[in-house]
Amino acid sequence: MDGNKTRYIVVGGVLWAALIILVGGMLFLNEKDPRQKTASYYAVFDQVSSLGKGDPIRVNGVKVGKVADLGLSGRRVKVELSVVDTVKIPANSQIRVQNVGILGERQVGILLGDASEILRPGAVVEGSFDAGISEVMGAAGEVFDSVRVLLAVVRDVVDSTVGNDEFKASLNRIVARAEKLETRLDGMIGESEPLLKGSLQNLHKASVKVNELVDGNRAPAEKLLADAGALTSDARSLVAKADELTGRLDAMLAKLESRDNTVGILLNDDSFYRELSQTVTSADSLLRSVLKDGLDVNIDFF
């Protein structure tokens, strides 16, 4: 019995020691301290590349925690940051996903700000992403693909132009024609040069004469312009007076056409006009009779 009891005690001790070693090893590998408390903050990024759970979080280069979780939040990525609760993060701190290795390893880097306001646990802040080697290599791959396509196009163009015998023959003919054209142009320029020089000289002389003519007639021209201005002013005054006279004539005609005055009555009364015509006719007949027969005057005395 004592032997079995001792054996059980030894087996139990070994199991407890193995369990303690297992838990201690897990805590050591996960870099956890049971006595240490953490606080969670949340950062939102447009992308995080190869960032994953357990990646380190460093504040000004010092490791203070790790990525507890991450996932999509709409079209962006929300990352839970588990940080030692003794670290205080100002509100204006910069939070970035950073590259830390040539194989694309990532970490969250926090550059502390100087604001007096401190982030509370559970706060959501805006983060940024720093491109690393993997992104550069990806972009370089796209560039290499574009260069490969471009080289293929250039090769096709070269093969269809410089590498083609027909193109070479056509190019030689074009070059020969260009040389002939150049020779003809040189000859034409040589023949036309004296004429061009003479034309330029004549043009210069003509411009000199024109300038002299303008300078000589500047004063008469200015006087003519001044007289024209005065004439224009007089014409405007005359037009104004004509307008005034026309207004007066219109007023007179309006009065003559109305029956509010004697002249208007004389002009518009037909009976008066007929009586006046008869009177004038009678007076004319009497005058003619007097001139012909003389005037008899009878005087009666009472």
Foldseek 3Di string as FASTA:
>chain_A
DVVVVVVVVVVVVVVVVVVVVVVVVVCVVLVHDVVFAWFKEKEKELDQPPFDWSAFEEEVRHTFFTWHHWDDDDNIIMTITIGTPVDWAAPPKAWEWDADDLVRRTYIYIYGDDDPHTDDGHYYYYYYYDDDNVVVVVVVVVVVVVVVVVVVVVVVVCCVAVVDPVNVVVVVVVVVVVVVVVVVVVVVCVVCVVVVVVVVVVVVVVVVVVVVVCVVCVVVVVVVVVVVVVVVVVVVVVVVVVVVVVVVVVVVVVVLCDPPDDNVCCVPPPVVVVVVVVVVVVVVVVVVCCVVVNDDDDDDDD
